[in-house]
Amino acid sequence: MSTSITVILLRNGEPAGRAADVAVTEIDGVLDVNSSGSEGGSERGSALQKPGASIDVMQLALPDAQGTATVMFTIEVVDNGIVLRPRLPLAQRMVESRRDEVIALALAEVRRKTGLPLDRIKSVFIEQL
């Protein structure tokens, strides 16, 4: 299965800009996320979709690049996708440097815990600290 998801940056819970469109492919339960070339779209603020009502909240713990620290995120399943909230500046830097990988792991965690079909997730909102 393959689908396209829009990545939207949030500031203080409000859409601040579109970061990219990503292609998400699932083969035998493994997710692959690749930026599809639409980096930094021109849409800003009110023209962008908002997350919508909260459905579920979960935590995601990932090892840092060196494997020496645990990086924490909160994932909120919302009407229009998921909101990925870095909990500390280290998590924010991880999203900035390894965005596609972090998105893939967040989507996999949501699918594992909720069973939500991939094609129902239209947007990944990334809260900026």
Protein backbone atom coordinates (compact mmCIF):
# COMPACT_ATOMS: atom_id res chain seq x y z
CA MET A 1 0.00 0.00 0.00
CA SER A 2 1.20 3.51 -0.78
CA THR A 3 -0.22 6.87 0.27
CA SER A 4 0.78 10.52 0.39
CA ILE A 5 0.83 12.45 3.66
CA THR A 6 1.26 16.19 4.12
CA VAL A 7 3.68 17.32 6.84
CA ILE A 8 2.51 20.52 8.53
CA LEU A 9 4.51 22.48 11.08
CA LEU A 10 2.66 23.77 14.16
CA ARG A 11 3.55 26.65 16.46
CA ASN A 12 1.48 26.95 19.64
CA GLY A 13 -1.00 24.44 18.22
CA GLU A 14 -1.71 26.48 15.07
CA PRO A 15 -0.54 25.63 11.54
CA ALA A 16 2.61 27.63 10.74
CA GLY A 17 3.52 26.20 7.34
CA ARG A 18 3.67 23.12 5.16
CA ALA A 19 7.03 21.38 5.44
CA ALA A 20 6.65 18.72 2.75
CA ASP A 21 4.58 16.02 1.18
CA VAL A 22 5.88 12.55 1.93
CA ALA A 23 5.21 9.25 0.20
CA VAL A 24 4.53 6.41 2.65
CA THR A 25 4.77 2.83 1.46
CA GLU A 26 3.94 -0.23 3.53
CA ILE A 27 5.27 -3.62 2.44
CA ASP A 28 4.84 -6.64 4.70
CA GLY A 29 4.24 -4.39 7.71
CA VAL A 30 7.38 -2.28 7.15
CA LEU A 31 6.86 1.45 6.57
CA ASP A 32 9.08 3.50 4.27
CA VAL A 33 8.74 7.30 4.27
CA ASN A 34 10.34 9.48 1.58
CA SER A 35 10.01 13.19 0.96
CA SER A 36 8.40 13.54 -2.43
CA GLY A 37 10.08 16.77 -3.45
CA SER A 38 7.45 19.30 -2.33
CA GLU A 39 9.63 20.86 0.34
CA GLY A 40 8.53 24.06 2.01
CA GLY A 41 5.24 24.70 0.28
CA SER A 42 3.87 28.21 0.01
CA GLU A 43 0.78 27.59 2.11
CA ARG A 44 0.86 29.37 5.45
CA GLY A 45 -1.32 29.68 8.52
CA SER A 46 -5.07 29.68 8.00
CA ALA A 47 -4.88 28.10 4.52
CA LEU A 48 -3.60 24.88 6.10
CA GLN A 49 -5.63 22.08 7.61
CA LYS A 50 -5.82 22.05 11.41
CA PRO A 51 -5.32 18.88 13.46
CA GLY A 52 -8.91 18.56 14.70
CA ALA A 53 -10.22 16.81 17.79
CA SER A 54 -8.02 14.47 19.83
CA ILE A 55 -8.79 10.75 19.57
CA ASP A 56 -5.87 9.10 21.40
CA VAL A 57 -2.49 10.01 22.95
CA MET A 58 0.61 7.84 23.27
CA GLN A 59 4.33 8.16 23.97
CA LEU A 60 7.19 7.28 21.63
CA ALA A 61 10.73 6.68 22.91
CA LEU A 62 13.57 6.55 20.36
CA PRO A 63 17.32 6.17 20.84
CA ASP A 64 19.42 9.15 19.79
CA ALA A 65 21.89 8.80 16.90
CA GLN A 66 24.67 7.62 19.23
CA GLY A 67 22.40 5.26 21.17
CA THR A 68 23.33 6.95 24.45
CA ALA A 69 20.06 8.72 25.27
CA THR A 70 16.34 8.16 24.90
CA VAL A 71 14.46 10.81 22.99
CA MET A 72 10.80 11.24 23.95
CA PHE A 73 7.86 12.30 21.79
CA THR A 74 4.15 12.53 22.43
CA ILE A 75 1.96 11.35 19.56
CA GLU A 76 -1.63 12.51 19.46
CA VAL A 77 -4.03 10.82 17.06
CA VAL A 78 -6.42 13.52 15.80
CA ASP A 79 -9.27 13.76 13.31
CA ASN A 80 -6.94 14.81 10.47
CA GLY A 81 -3.88 12.64 11.16
CA ILE A 82 -1.32 12.64 13.94
CA VAL A 83 0.44 15.37 15.92
CA LEU A 84 4.07 14.63 16.75
CA ARG A 85 5.28 16.63 19.76
CA PRO A 86 8.98 16.60 20.62
CA ARG A 87 9.24 16.73 24.43
CA LEU A 88 12.69 18.37 24.65
CA PRO A 89 15.08 20.28 22.35
CA LEU A 90 16.99 17.04 21.63
CA ALA A 91 13.79 15.55 20.20
CA GLN A 92 13.23 18.70 18.11
CA ARG A 93 16.75 18.37 16.66
CA MET A 94 16.07 14.71 15.88
CA VAL A 95 12.94 15.63 13.91
CA GLU A 96 14.89 18.29 12.01
CA SER A 97 17.79 15.99 11.12
CA ARG A 98 15.95 12.65 10.64
CA ARG A 99 12.39 13.72 9.83
CA ASP A 100 11.41 10.88 7.48
CA GLU A 101 12.71 8.24 9.91
CA VAL A 102 10.94 9.79 12.91
CA ILE A 103 7.68 10.06 10.93
CA ALA A 104 7.95 6.39 9.87
CA LEU A 105 8.50 5.28 13.47
CA ALA A 106 5.64 7.44 14.75
CA LEU A 107 3.28 6.06 12.09
CA ALA A 108 4.35 2.50 12.91
CA GLU A 109 3.67 3.10 16.63
CA VAL A 110 0.21 4.52 15.90
CA ARG A 111 -0.61 1.58 13.64
CA ARG A 112 0.68 -0.91 16.22
CA LYS A 113 -1.31 0.58 19.10
CA THR A 114 -4.53 1.58 17.32
CA GLY A 115 -4.73 -0.46 14.11
CA LEU A 116 -5.57 2.77 12.24
CA PRO A 117 -5.31 2.14 8.49
CA LEU A 118 -2.46 4.05 6.86
CA ASP A 119 -4.73 5.58 4.22
CA ARG A 120 -6.79 7.28 6.98
CA ILE A 121 -3.78 9.36 8.06
CA LYS A 122 -3.71 12.38 5.75
CA SER A 123 -1.39 14.70 7.70
CA VAL A 124 1.46 14.60 10.18
CA PHE A 125 1.55 17.77 12.24
CA ILE A 126 4.92 18.48 13.86
CA GLU A 127 4.81 20.80 16.87
CA GLN A 128 7.83 23.08 17.02
CA LEU A 129 9.33 24.01 20.36
